[in-house]
Amino acid sequence: MKRWTSLVILALACATASGQTIPPNENSPEAPSRTYAQNYKDMVLAICVATAYKGSNDAAVDAGSSASALRDWTYYDLDKSPAEVEALVRKYLRRDYYNPLVEAEAKGADIRFDFLKCLDLYHSKELERLVKRRVAHPDWTVRSRSKAGKH
């Protein structure tokens, strides 16, 4: 046992000395370890970004794909939630943010602050209320449910 402990300590010391950190599972998303509530909010943020950047094909496709993946890692009201999410996203993207300093520096660029609007949505009390209404078990995770033998 003492020898085994020494080997583990030596291996960790070597990894630390070489500057390497070994993440628990570096080749898979972290979303399955997050709560249903957090994955729901992440999905809404991804939908917001996808909607905001439809003109940029790569950004919209990537965010849309991320939202689809997050649907597998949360548990929410599939009947009512999509329309409410869409309405909330559109409400925030309709906001008219203005910053004269940024717009003066951008000279002629179409500055809409859409990502900032999405961040504001992400941190909003409205989204928190939506999570409470539509996510049945906000503190559960996919992995914790799998370990318990429940799906």
N, C-alpha and C. Protein backbone atom coordinates (compact mmCIF):
# COMPACT_ATOMS: atom_id res chain seq x y z
N MET A 1 0.83 -1.19 0.00
CA MET A 1 0.00 0.00 0.00
C MET A 1 0.86 1.25 0.00
N LYS A 2 1.92 1.23 0.82
CA LYS A 2 2.81 2.38 0.90
C LYS A 2 3.49 2.63 -0.45
N ARG A 3 3.88 1.52 -1.12
CA ARG A 3 4.53 1.64 -2.43
C ARG A 3 3.54 2.23 -3.45
N TRP A 4 2.30 1.77 -3.44
CA TRP A 4 1.27 2.26 -4.36
C TRP A 4 1.04 3.76 -4.16
N THR A 5 0.95 4.19 -2.93
CA THR A 5 0.77 5.60 -2.62
C THR A 5 1.95 6.41 -3.13
N SER A 6 3.15 5.90 -2.96
CA SER A 6 4.35 6.59 -3.45
C SER A 6 4.33 6.73 -4.96
N LEU A 7 3.89 5.69 -5.66
CA LEU A 7 3.81 5.74 -7.13
C LEU A 7 2.79 6.78 -7.59
N VAL A 8 1.65 6.83 -6.92
CA VAL A 8 0.62 7.82 -7.28
C VAL A 8 1.15 9.23 -7.05
N ILE A 9 1.80 9.46 -5.91
CA ILE A 9 2.35 10.78 -5.62
C ILE A 9 3.41 11.14 -6.65
N LEU A 10 4.27 10.18 -7.02
CA LEU A 10 5.31 10.43 -8.02
C LEU A 10 4.68 10.77 -9.37
N ALA A 11 3.65 10.05 -9.78
CA ALA A 11 2.99 10.32 -11.06
C ALA A 11 2.37 11.71 -11.07
N LEU A 12 1.71 12.08 -9.97
CA LEU A 12 1.11 13.41 -9.88
C LEU A 12 2.18 14.50 -9.89
N ALA A 13 3.28 14.26 -9.21
CA ALA A 13 4.37 15.23 -9.18
C ALA A 13 4.96 15.41 -10.57
N CYS A 14 5.12 14.32 -11.31
CA CYS A 14 5.66 14.42 -12.67
C CYS A 14 4.72 15.20 -13.58
N ALA A 15 3.43 14.93 -13.47
CA ALA A 15 2.46 15.65 -14.30
C ALA A 15 2.45 17.12 -13.95
N THR A 16 2.53 17.44 -12.67
CA THR A 16 2.56 18.83 -12.23
C THR A 16 3.84 19.52 -12.67
N ALA A 17 4.95 18.83 -12.53
CA ALA A 17 6.24 19.42 -12.91
C ALA A 17 6.32 19.68 -14.40
N SER A 18 5.67 18.85 -15.21
CA SER A 18 5.72 19.06 -16.65
C SER A 18 4.70 20.08 -17.12
N GLY A 19 3.92 20.62 -16.19
CA GLY A 19 2.93 21.64 -16.52
C GLY A 19 1.63 21.07 -17.05
N GLN A 20 1.48 19.76 -17.02
CA GLN A 20 0.28 19.14 -17.54
C GLN A 20 -0.76 19.02 -16.44
N THR A 21 -1.97 19.30 -16.82
CA THR A 21 -3.07 18.99 -15.92
C THR A 21 -3.96 18.02 -16.66
N ILE A 22 -4.47 17.08 -15.97
CA ILE A 22 -5.29 16.06 -16.61
C ILE A 22 -6.73 16.29 -16.20
N PRO A 23 -7.54 16.83 -17.14
CA PRO A 23 -8.94 17.05 -16.81
C PRO A 23 -9.66 15.71 -16.61
N PRO A 24 -10.74 15.71 -15.85
CA PRO A 24 -11.43 14.45 -15.58
C PRO A 24 -11.87 13.73 -16.85
N ASN A 25 -12.29 14.45 -17.86
CA ASN A 25 -12.72 13.83 -19.11
C ASN A 25 -12.57 14.85 -20.22
N GLU A 26 -11.39 15.00 -20.72
CA GLU A 26 -11.10 16.10 -21.64
C GLU A 26 -11.72 15.97 -23.02
N ASN A 27 -12.22 14.81 -23.38
CA ASN A 27 -12.76 14.62 -24.72
C ASN A 27 -14.27 14.60 -24.78
N SER A 28 -14.93 15.08 -23.75
CA SER A 28 -16.39 15.15 -23.79
C SER A 28 -16.86 16.45 -23.16
N PRO A 29 -18.05 16.90 -23.55
CA PRO A 29 -18.59 18.14 -22.97
C PRO A 29 -18.78 18.01 -21.47
N GLU A 30 -18.74 19.14 -20.79
CA GLU A 30 -18.95 19.17 -19.35
C GLU A 30 -20.44 19.26 -18.98
N ALA A 31 -21.27 19.49 -19.98
CA ALA A 31 -22.69 19.69 -19.73
C ALA A 31 -23.36 18.55 -18.96
N PRO A 32 -23.02 17.28 -19.20
CA PRO A 32 -23.69 16.23 -18.43
C PRO A 32 -23.43 16.31 -16.92
N SER A 33 -22.41 17.04 -16.51
CA SER A 33 -22.13 17.21 -15.08
C SER A 33 -22.82 18.43 -14.49
N ARG A 34 -23.38 19.26 -15.36
CA ARG A 34 -24.09 20.44 -14.88
C ARG A 34 -25.54 20.08 -14.60
N THR A 35 -26.20 20.92 -13.82
CA THR A 35 -27.60 20.67 -13.49
C THR A 35 -28.50 20.89 -14.70
N TYR A 36 -29.68 20.32 -14.65
CA TYR A 36 -30.66 20.54 -15.71
C TYR A 36 -30.94 22.03 -15.87
N ALA A 37 -31.01 22.74 -14.75
CA ALA A 37 -31.28 24.18 -14.81
C ALA A 37 -30.16 24.90 -15.56
N GLN A 38 -28.90 24.59 -15.25
CA GLN A 38 -27.78 25.25 -15.92
C GLN A 38 -27.76 24.90 -17.41
N ASN A 39 -27.99 23.63 -17.75
CA ASN A 39 -28.01 23.24 -19.16
C ASN A 39 -29.17 23.91 -19.91
N TYR A 40 -30.28 24.10 -19.24
CA TYR A 40 -31.41 24.80 -19.85
C TYR A 40 -31.01 26.24 -20.17
N LYS A 41 -30.37 26.90 -19.20
CA LYS A 41 -29.93 28.28 -19.42
C LYS A 41 -28.87 28.34 -20.53
N ASP A 42 -27.96 27.38 -20.55
CA ASP A 42 -26.94 27.34 -21.61
C ASP A 42 -27.59 27.14 -22.97
N MET A 43 -28.62 26.29 -23.03
CA MET A 43 -29.33 26.07 -24.28
C MET A 43 -30.00 27.36 -24.75
N VAL A 44 -30.63 28.09 -23.83
CA VAL A 44 -31.28 29.35 -24.19
C VAL A 44 -30.24 30.35 -24.70
N LEU A 45 -29.08 30.41 -24.05
CA LEU A 45 -28.01 31.30 -24.53
C LEU A 45 -27.57 30.90 -25.93
N ALA A 46 -27.41 29.61 -26.18
CA ALA A 46 -27.01 29.15 -27.51
C ALA A 46 -28.06 29.51 -28.57
N ILE A 47 -29.34 29.37 -28.22
CA ILE A 47 -30.41 29.76 -29.15
C ILE A 47 -30.35 31.25 -29.42
N CYS A 48 -30.11 32.03 -28.39
CA CYS A 48 -30.01 33.49 -28.53
C CYS A 48 -28.87 33.86 -29.47
N VAL A 49 -27.71 33.26 -29.27
CA VAL A 49 -26.55 33.56 -30.12
C VAL A 49 -26.84 33.11 -31.56
N ALA A 50 -27.43 31.94 -31.73
CA ALA A 50 -27.75 31.46 -33.07
C ALA A 50 -28.71 32.41 -33.78
N THR A 51 -29.70 32.90 -33.06
CA THR A 51 -30.66 33.84 -33.63
C THR A 51 -30.01 35.17 -33.95
N ALA A 52 -29.16 35.63 -33.06
CA ALA A 52 -28.49 36.93 -33.25
C ALA A 52 -27.54 36.93 -34.43
N TYR A 53 -26.90 35.81 -34.70
CA TYR A 53 -25.86 35.77 -35.73
C TYR A 53 -26.24 34.89 -36.92
N LYS A 54 -27.50 34.90 -37.30
CA LYS A 54 -27.94 34.11 -38.45
C LYS A 54 -27.17 34.44 -39.72
N GLY A 55 -26.77 35.69 -39.88
CA GLY A 55 -26.03 36.11 -41.08
C GLY A 55 -24.64 35.50 -41.17
N SER A 56 -24.07 35.13 -40.05
CA SER A 56 -22.75 34.49 -40.01
C SER A 56 -22.99 33.00 -39.91
N ASN A 57 -22.91 32.31 -41.04
CA ASN A 57 -23.29 30.91 -41.10
C ASN A 57 -22.57 30.04 -40.08
N ASP A 58 -21.29 30.21 -39.91
CA ASP A 58 -20.55 29.35 -38.99
C ASP A 58 -21.01 29.54 -37.55
N ALA A 59 -21.18 30.77 -37.11
CA ALA A 59 -21.59 31.03 -35.72
C ALA A 59 -23.00 30.50 -35.47
N ALA A 60 -23.91 30.75 -36.38
CA ALA A 60 -25.29 30.31 -36.20
C ALA A 60 -25.39 28.78 -36.19
N VAL A 61 -24.68 28.12 -37.09
CA VAL A 61 -24.71 26.65 -37.15
C VAL A 61 -24.12 26.05 -35.88
N ASP A 62 -22.99 26.59 -35.44
CA ASP A 62 -22.35 26.05 -34.24
C ASP A 62 -23.22 26.25 -33.00
N ALA A 63 -23.77 27.43 -32.82
CA ALA A 63 -24.62 27.68 -31.66
C ALA A 63 -25.89 26.84 -31.72
N GLY A 64 -26.47 26.71 -32.92
CA GLY A 64 -27.66 25.87 -33.08
C GLY A 64 -27.38 24.41 -32.76
N SER A 65 -26.22 23.92 -33.19
CA SER A 65 -25.82 22.54 -32.88
C SER A 65 -25.60 22.36 -31.38
N SER A 66 -25.03 23.37 -30.75
CA SER A 66 -24.81 23.32 -29.30
C SER A 66 -26.15 23.29 -28.56
N ALA A 67 -27.11 24.08 -29.01
CA ALA A 67 -28.44 24.09 -28.39
C ALA A 67 -29.09 22.71 -28.53
N SER A 68 -28.94 22.10 -29.71
CA SER A 68 -29.50 20.75 -29.92
C SER A 68 -28.86 19.74 -28.98
N ALA A 69 -27.55 19.81 -28.82
CA ALA A 69 -26.86 18.89 -27.91
C ALA A 69 -27.31 19.10 -26.47
N LEU A 70 -27.48 20.35 -26.07
CA LEU A 70 -27.88 20.64 -24.69
C LEU A 70 -29.29 20.14 -24.38
N ARG A 71 -30.13 20.01 -25.42
CA ARG A 71 -31.47 19.47 -25.20
C ARG A 71 -31.40 18.05 -24.64
N ASP A 72 -30.36 17.31 -25.01
CA ASP A 72 -30.20 15.95 -24.51
C ASP A 72 -29.75 15.91 -23.06
N TRP A 73 -29.27 17.02 -22.53
CA TRP A 73 -28.70 17.05 -21.18
C TRP A 73 -29.53 17.90 -20.23
N THR A 74 -30.78 18.10 -20.55
CA THR A 74 -31.68 18.80 -19.64
C THR A 74 -33.04 18.15 -19.70
N TYR A 75 -33.91 18.50 -18.78
CA TYR A 75 -35.22 17.91 -18.67
C TYR A 75 -36.18 19.06 -18.41
N TYR A 76 -37.00 19.38 -19.42
CA TYR A 76 -37.88 20.54 -19.30
C TYR A 76 -39.15 20.30 -20.08
N ASP A 77 -40.10 21.21 -19.95
CA ASP A 77 -41.40 21.12 -20.61
C ASP A 77 -41.23 21.37 -22.11
N LEU A 78 -41.22 20.29 -22.89
CA LEU A 78 -41.00 20.40 -24.34
C LEU A 78 -42.18 21.02 -25.08
N ASP A 79 -43.36 21.00 -24.48
CA ASP A 79 -44.53 21.56 -25.15
C ASP A 79 -44.57 23.08 -25.09
N LYS A 80 -44.33 23.64 -23.92
CA LYS A 80 -44.49 25.08 -23.73
C LYS A 80 -43.18 25.86 -23.85
N SER A 81 -42.09 25.25 -23.51
CA SER A 81 -40.82 25.97 -23.42
C SER A 81 -40.33 26.59 -24.73
N PRO A 82 -40.34 25.86 -25.86
CA PRO A 82 -39.76 26.45 -27.08
C PRO A 82 -40.35 27.81 -27.47
N ALA A 83 -41.66 27.95 -27.41
CA ALA A 83 -42.29 29.22 -27.77
C ALA A 83 -41.91 30.32 -26.78
N GLU A 84 -41.84 29.97 -25.50
CA GLU A 84 -41.46 30.96 -24.49
C GLU A 84 -40.01 31.38 -24.64
N VAL A 85 -39.14 30.42 -24.95
CA VAL A 85 -37.72 30.75 -25.17
C VAL A 85 -37.59 31.68 -26.37
N GLU A 86 -38.27 31.33 -27.47
CA GLU A 86 -38.20 32.17 -28.67
C GLU A 86 -38.69 33.59 -28.38
N ALA A 87 -39.79 33.71 -27.67
CA ALA A 87 -40.32 35.04 -27.34
C ALA A 87 -39.34 35.83 -26.48
N LEU A 88 -38.73 35.18 -25.50
CA LEU A 88 -37.78 35.86 -24.62
C LEU A 88 -36.53 36.28 -25.39
N VAL A 89 -36.03 35.41 -26.26
CA VAL A 89 -34.85 35.74 -27.08
C VAL A 89 -35.16 36.95 -27.96
N ARG A 90 -36.29 36.91 -28.64
CA ARG A 90 -36.65 38.03 -29.53
C ARG A 90 -36.82 39.33 -28.74
N LYS A 91 -37.40 39.24 -27.55
CA LYS A 91 -37.58 40.43 -26.71
C LYS A 91 -36.23 41.07 -26.41
N TYR A 92 -35.26 40.27 -26.01
CA TYR A 92 -33.94 40.82 -25.67
C TYR A 92 -33.21 41.32 -26.91
N LEU A 93 -33.33 40.62 -28.03
CA LEU A 93 -32.63 41.05 -29.24
C LEU A 93 -33.25 42.31 -29.85
N ARG A 94 -34.48 42.64 -29.49
CA ARG A 94 -35.11 43.88 -29.95
C ARG A 94 -34.62 45.10 -29.19
N ARG A 95 -33.95 44.89 -28.07
CA ARG A 95 -33.45 46.02 -27.30
C ARG A 95 -32.53 46.88 -28.16
N ASP A 96 -32.52 48.16 -27.88
CA ASP A 96 -31.71 49.09 -28.67
C ASP A 96 -30.59 49.65 -27.80
N TYR A 97 -29.48 48.92 -27.75
CA TYR A 97 -28.34 49.35 -26.96
C TYR A 97 -27.50 50.33 -27.77
N TYR A 98 -26.97 51.31 -27.08
CA TYR A 98 -26.18 52.33 -27.76
C TYR A 98 -25.01 52.72 -26.87
N ASN A 99 -23.83 52.78 -27.45
CA ASN A 99 -22.64 53.25 -26.75
C ASN A 99 -21.89 54.14 -27.71
N PRO A 100 -21.97 55.47 -27.54
CA PRO A 100 -21.35 56.38 -28.50
C PRO A 100 -19.84 56.19 -28.64
N LEU A 101 -19.16 55.80 -27.59
CA LEU A 101 -17.71 55.60 -27.68
C LEU A 101 -17.37 54.43 -28.60
N VAL A 102 -18.07 53.33 -28.43
CA VAL A 102 -17.82 52.16 -29.27
C VAL A 102 -18.20 52.45 -30.71
N GLU A 103 -19.34 53.07 -30.91
CA GLU A 103 -19.80 53.35 -32.26
C GLU A 103 -18.90 54.35 -32.97
N ALA A 104 -18.33 55.29 -32.25
CA ALA A 104 -17.38 56.24 -32.85
C ALA A 104 -16.11 55.52 -33.29
N GLU A 105 -15.67 54.56 -32.50
CA GLU A 105 -14.46 53.81 -32.85
C GLU A 105 -14.71 52.85 -34.00
N ALA A 106 -15.92 52.34 -34.14
CA ALA A 106 -16.22 51.34 -35.16
C ALA A 106 -16.45 51.96 -36.54
N LYS A 107 -16.69 53.23 -36.62
CA LYS A 107 -16.86 53.99 -37.87
C LYS A 107 -17.53 53.19 -39.00
N GLY A 108 -18.84 53.25 -39.03
CA GLY A 108 -19.58 52.66 -40.13
C GLY A 108 -19.97 51.21 -39.94
N ALA A 109 -19.44 50.55 -38.96
CA ALA A 109 -19.82 49.16 -38.71
C ALA A 109 -21.22 49.11 -38.10
N ASP A 110 -21.93 48.04 -38.37
CA ASP A 110 -23.26 47.85 -37.81
C ASP A 110 -23.13 47.26 -36.41
N ILE A 111 -23.08 48.12 -35.41
CA ILE A 111 -22.92 47.70 -34.02
C ILE A 111 -24.30 47.57 -33.40
N ARG A 112 -24.69 46.33 -33.06
CA ARG A 112 -26.00 46.10 -32.45
C ARG A 112 -25.90 45.60 -31.02
N PHE A 113 -24.72 45.20 -30.59
CA PHE A 113 -24.52 44.65 -29.25
C PHE A 113 -25.39 43.43 -29.00
N ASP A 114 -25.61 42.60 -30.03
CA ASP A 114 -26.47 41.43 -29.88
C ASP A 114 -25.94 40.43 -28.85
N PHE A 115 -24.63 40.21 -28.84
CA PHE A 115 -24.11 39.27 -27.85
C PHE A 115 -24.31 39.79 -26.43
N LEU A 116 -24.13 41.09 -26.24
CA LEU A 116 -24.38 41.69 -24.93
C LEU A 116 -25.85 41.50 -24.53
N LYS A 117 -26.74 41.62 -25.49
CA LYS A 117 -28.16 41.39 -25.23
C LYS A 117 -28.39 39.94 -24.78
N CYS A 118 -27.70 39.01 -25.45
CA CYS A 118 -27.82 37.60 -25.08
C CYS A 118 -27.28 37.35 -23.68
N LEU A 119 -26.18 38.01 -23.35
CA LEU A 119 -25.64 37.87 -21.99
C LEU A 119 -26.61 38.44 -20.96
N ASP A 120 -27.21 39.55 -21.28
CA ASP A 120 -28.20 40.12 -20.37
C ASP A 120 -29.39 39.18 -20.19
N LEU A 121 -29.82 38.56 -21.28
CA LEU A 121 -30.88 37.56 -21.21
C LEU A 121 -30.44 36.41 -20.31
N TYR A 122 -29.23 35.94 -20.51
CA TYR A 122 -28.70 34.80 -19.76
C TYR A 122 -28.71 35.06 -18.25
N HIS A 123 -28.44 36.28 -17.86
CA HIS A 123 -28.38 36.63 -16.44
C HIS A 123 -29.68 37.25 -15.91
N SER A 124 -30.73 37.23 -16.71
CA SER A 124 -31.97 37.93 -16.35
C SER A 124 -32.83 37.16 -15.35
N LYS A 125 -33.62 37.93 -14.62
CA LYS A 125 -34.61 37.34 -13.71
C LYS A 125 -35.70 36.65 -14.53
N GLU A 126 -35.95 37.15 -15.74
CA GLU A 126 -36.97 36.53 -16.59
C GLU A 126 -36.58 35.10 -16.96
N LEU A 127 -35.32 34.90 -17.31
CA LEU A 127 -34.86 33.54 -17.62
C LEU A 127 -34.89 32.66 -16.37
N GLU A 128 -34.54 33.23 -15.24
CA GLU A 128 -34.58 32.46 -13.99
C GLU A 128 -36.02 32.02 -13.69
N ARG A 129 -36.99 32.91 -13.93
CA ARG A 129 -38.40 32.54 -13.72
C ARG A 129 -38.83 31.46 -14.71
N LEU A 130 -38.35 31.56 -15.95
CA LEU A 130 -38.68 30.56 -16.97
C LEU A 130 -38.10 29.20 -16.57
N VAL A 131 -36.88 29.19 -16.07
CA VAL A 131 -36.27 27.95 -15.59
C VAL A 131 -37.15 27.33 -14.50
N LYS A 132 -37.59 28.15 -13.56
CA LYS A 132 -38.40 27.63 -12.45
C LYS A 132 -39.74 27.08 -12.93
N ARG A 133 -40.31 27.69 -13.98
CA ARG A 133 -41.59 27.22 -14.51
C ARG A 133 -41.45 25.97 -15.37
N ARG A 134 -40.36 25.84 -16.11
CA ARG A 134 -40.27 24.80 -17.14
C ARG A 134 -39.30 23.65 -16.87
N VAL A 135 -38.37 23.81 -15.94
CA VAL A 135 -37.40 22.74 -15.65
C VAL A 135 -37.88 22.00 -14.40
N ALA A 136 -38.29 20.75 -14.61
CA ALA A 136 -38.93 19.99 -13.53
C ALA A 136 -38.00 19.71 -12.34
N HIS A 137 -36.77 19.36 -12.60
CA HIS A 137 -35.83 19.01 -11.53
C HIS A 137 -34.54 19.80 -11.75
N PRO A 138 -34.52 21.08 -11.42
CA PRO A 138 -33.40 21.95 -11.80
C PRO A 138 -32.04 21.58 -11.22
N ASP A 139 -31.99 20.84 -10.13
CA ASP A 139 -30.70 20.51 -9.52
C ASP A 139 -30.17 19.14 -9.94
N TRP A 140 -30.93 18.41 -10.71
CA TRP A 140 -30.47 17.09 -11.15
C TRP A 140 -29.50 17.24 -12.31
N THR A 141 -28.67 16.23 -12.51
CA THR A 141 -27.81 16.16 -13.70
C THR A 141 -28.08 14.83 -14.40
N VAL A 142 -27.72 14.74 -15.67
CA VAL A 142 -27.87 13.49 -16.41
C VAL A 142 -27.03 12.40 -15.74
N ARG A 143 -25.82 12.74 -15.36
CA ARG A 143 -24.92 11.75 -14.76
C ARG A 143 -25.42 11.30 -13.38
N SER A 144 -25.94 12.21 -12.58
CA SER A 144 -26.42 11.80 -11.25
C SER A 144 -27.64 10.89 -11.39
N ARG A 145 -28.48 11.14 -12.36
CA ARG A 145 -29.65 10.30 -12.60
C ARG A 145 -29.24 8.93 -13.13
N SER A 146 -28.21 8.88 -13.99
CA SER A 146 -27.73 7.61 -14.52
C SER A 146 -27.15 6.74 -13.42
N LYS A 147 -26.41 7.35 -12.51
CA LYS A 147 -25.82 6.60 -11.38
C LYS A 147 -26.91 6.02 -10.49
N ALA A 148 -28.01 6.75 -10.37
CA ALA A 148 -29.11 6.30 -9.53
C ALA A 148 -30.00 5.30 -10.25
N GLY A 149 -29.70 5.04 -11.54
CA GLY A 149 -30.50 4.09 -12.31
C GLY A 149 -31.80 4.67 -12.83
N LYS A 150 -31.89 6.01 -12.86
CA LYS A 150 -33.10 6.68 -13.34
C LYS A 150 -32.76 7.46 -14.60
N HIS A 151 -33.72 7.66 -15.46
CA HIS A 151 -33.45 8.39 -16.70
C HIS A 151 -34.36 9.55 -16.87
